[in-house]
Amino acid sequence: MVQAYILIQTEVGKASTVAEMISKIQGVIQAEDVTGPYDVIVRAQADTVDDLGRMVVAKVQQVDGITRTLTCPVVHL
């Protein structure tokens, strides 16, 4: 199982709507609108890194109002 944080920038005023829509995507554990350089932070999981990438590109990035994403896989050192 692979987990990652997805940091999302949105159009002005769209953070809460984006977080709500993303929270409904299968594999999303949590989606919160936040303040700072990013507008939404998502914790997601998938079986493989490839599955995670497909989820980000095919589902998360397709949500209306997103301008940029940064995916940060969780590592256990």
C-alpha atoms as a PDB file:
ATOM      1  CA  MET A   1       0.000   0.000   0.000  1.00  0.00           C
ATOM      2  CA  VAL A   2       1.331   3.436  -0.994  1.00  0.00           C
ATOM      3  CA  GLN A   3       0.180   6.615   0.728  1.00  0.00           C
ATOM      4  CA  ALA A   4       0.819  10.201  -0.294  1.00  0.00           C
ATOM      5  CA  TYR A   5      -0.046  13.771   0.494  1.00  0.00           C
ATOM      6  CA  ILE A   6      -1.334  15.727  -2.480  1.00  0.00           C
ATOM      7  CA  LEU A   7      -0.841  19.481  -2.143  1.00  0.00           C
ATOM      8  CA  ILE A   8      -3.292  21.420  -4.277  1.00  0.00           C
ATOM      9  CA  GLN A   9      -3.545  25.003  -5.447  1.00  0.00           C
ATOM     10  CA  THR A  10      -6.985  26.148  -6.573  1.00  0.00           C
ATOM     11  CA  GLU A  11      -8.639  29.089  -8.231  1.00  0.00           C
ATOM     12  CA  VAL A  12      -9.605  31.844  -5.793  1.00  0.00           C
ATOM     13  CA  GLY A  13     -12.652  30.874  -3.733  1.00  0.00           C
ATOM     14  CA  LYS A  14     -12.721  27.225  -4.858  1.00  0.00           C
ATOM     15  CA  ALA A  15     -10.812  25.494  -2.018  1.00  0.00           C
ATOM     16  CA  SER A  16     -13.794  24.201  -0.041  1.00  0.00           C
ATOM     17  CA  THR A  17     -15.606  22.967  -3.165  1.00  0.00           C
ATOM     18  CA  VAL A  18     -12.459  21.232  -4.423  1.00  0.00           C
ATOM     19  CA  ALA A  19     -11.863  19.568  -1.035  1.00  0.00           C
ATOM     20  CA  GLU A  20     -15.460  18.344  -0.932  1.00  0.00           C
ATOM     21  CA  MET A  21     -15.313  16.889  -4.451  1.00  0.00           C
ATOM     22  CA  ILE A  22     -11.941  15.209  -3.886  1.00  0.00           C
ATOM     23  CA  SER A  23     -13.099  13.638  -0.618  1.00  0.00           C
ATOM     24  CA  LYS A  24     -15.539  11.528  -2.683  1.00  0.00           C
ATOM     25  CA  ILE A  25     -12.779   9.959  -4.827  1.00  0.00           C
ATOM     26  CA  GLN A  26     -11.982   6.328  -4.039  1.00  0.00           C
ATOM     27  CA  GLY A  27      -8.595   6.098  -2.326  1.00  0.00           C
ATOM     28  CA  VAL A  28      -8.812   9.521  -0.695  1.00  0.00           C
ATOM     29  CA  ILE A  29      -8.466   9.195   3.070  1.00  0.00           C
ATOM     30  CA  GLN A  30      -8.870  12.871   3.922  1.00  0.00           C
ATOM     31  CA  ALA A  31      -9.195  16.201   2.082  1.00  0.00           C
ATOM     32  CA  GLU A  32      -8.956  19.489   3.956  1.00  0.00           C
ATOM     33  CA  ASP A  33      -8.942  23.098   2.828  1.00  0.00           C
ATOM     34  CA  VAL A  34      -6.061  24.953   4.476  1.00  0.00           C
ATOM     35  CA  THR A  35      -4.321  28.325   4.469  1.00  0.00           C
ATOM     36  CA  GLY A  36      -0.834  29.001   3.169  1.00  0.00           C
ATOM     37  CA  PRO A  37       0.813  28.369  -0.194  1.00  0.00           C
ATOM     38  CA  TYR A  38      -1.564  25.472  -0.882  1.00  0.00           C
ATOM     39  CA  ASP A  39      -5.348  25.593  -0.657  1.00  0.00           C
ATOM     40  CA  VAL A  40      -6.187  21.902  -0.154  1.00  0.00           C
ATOM     41  CA  ILE A  41      -4.152  19.040   1.310  1.00  0.00           C
ATOM     42  CA  VAL A  42      -5.230  15.479   0.570  1.00  0.00           C
ATOM     43  CA  ARG A  43      -4.069  12.189   2.078  1.00  0.00           C
ATOM     44  CA  ALA A  44      -4.579   9.349  -0.376  1.00  0.00           C
ATOM     45  CA  GLN A  45      -3.665   5.693  -0.738  1.00  0.00           C
ATOM     46  CA  ALA A  46      -3.391   3.180  -3.551  1.00  0.00           C
ATOM     47  CA  ASP A  47      -2.038  -0.329  -4.063  1.00  0.00           C
ATOM     48  CA  THR A  48       0.981   0.790  -6.120  1.00  0.00           C
ATOM     49  CA  VAL A  49       2.785   3.980  -7.098  1.00  0.00           C
ATOM     50  CA  ASP A  50       1.391   3.555 -10.618  1.00  0.00           C
ATOM     51  CA  ASP A  51      -2.157   3.309  -9.251  1.00  0.00           C
ATOM     52  CA  LEU A  52      -1.530   6.425  -7.184  1.00  0.00           C
ATOM     53  CA  GLY A  53      -0.291   8.294 -10.251  1.00  0.00           C
ATOM     54  CA  ARG A  54      -3.324   7.225 -12.256  1.00  0.00           C
ATOM     55  CA  MET A  55      -5.639   8.412  -9.480  1.00  0.00           C
ATOM     56  CA  VAL A  56      -3.951  11.819  -9.354  1.00  0.00           C
ATOM     57  CA  VAL A  57      -3.952  12.351 -13.125  1.00  0.00           C
ATOM     58  CA  ALA A  58      -7.278  10.739 -14.051  1.00  0.00           C
ATOM     59  CA  LYS A  59      -9.378  11.752 -11.052  1.00  0.00           C
ATOM     60  CA  VAL A  60      -7.886  14.412  -8.785  1.00  0.00           C
ATOM     61  CA  GLN A  61      -6.537  16.712 -11.502  1.00  0.00           C
ATOM     62  CA  GLN A  62      -9.856  16.552 -13.335  1.00  0.00           C
ATOM     63  CA  VAL A  63     -11.716  18.300 -10.494  1.00  0.00           C
ATOM     64  CA  ASP A  64     -12.857  21.747 -11.627  1.00  0.00           C
ATOM     65  CA  GLY A  65     -11.002  24.627  -9.965  1.00  0.00           C
ATOM     66  CA  ILE A  66      -7.585  22.978  -9.507  1.00  0.00           C
ATOM     67  CA  THR A  67      -4.656  24.904 -10.961  1.00  0.00           C
ATOM     68  CA  ARG A  68      -1.693  22.806  -9.708  1.00  0.00           C
ATOM     69  CA  THR A  69      -0.920  19.659  -7.717  1.00  0.00           C
ATOM     70  CA  LEU A  70       2.201  18.346  -5.982  1.00  0.00           C
ATOM     71  CA  THR A  71       2.191  14.690  -4.915  1.00  0.00           C
ATOM     72  CA  CYS A  72       4.404  13.729  -1.962  1.00  0.00           C
ATOM     73  CA  PRO A  73       4.595   9.954  -1.362  1.00  0.00           C
ATOM     74  CA  VAL A  74       4.981   8.874   2.248  1.00  0.00           C
ATOM     75  CA  VAL A  75       8.223   7.015   3.006  1.00  0.00           C
ATOM     76  CA  HIS A  76       9.121   5.072   6.121  1.00  0.00           C
ATOM     77  CA  LEU A  77      12.808   5.599   6.936  1.00  0.00           C
END
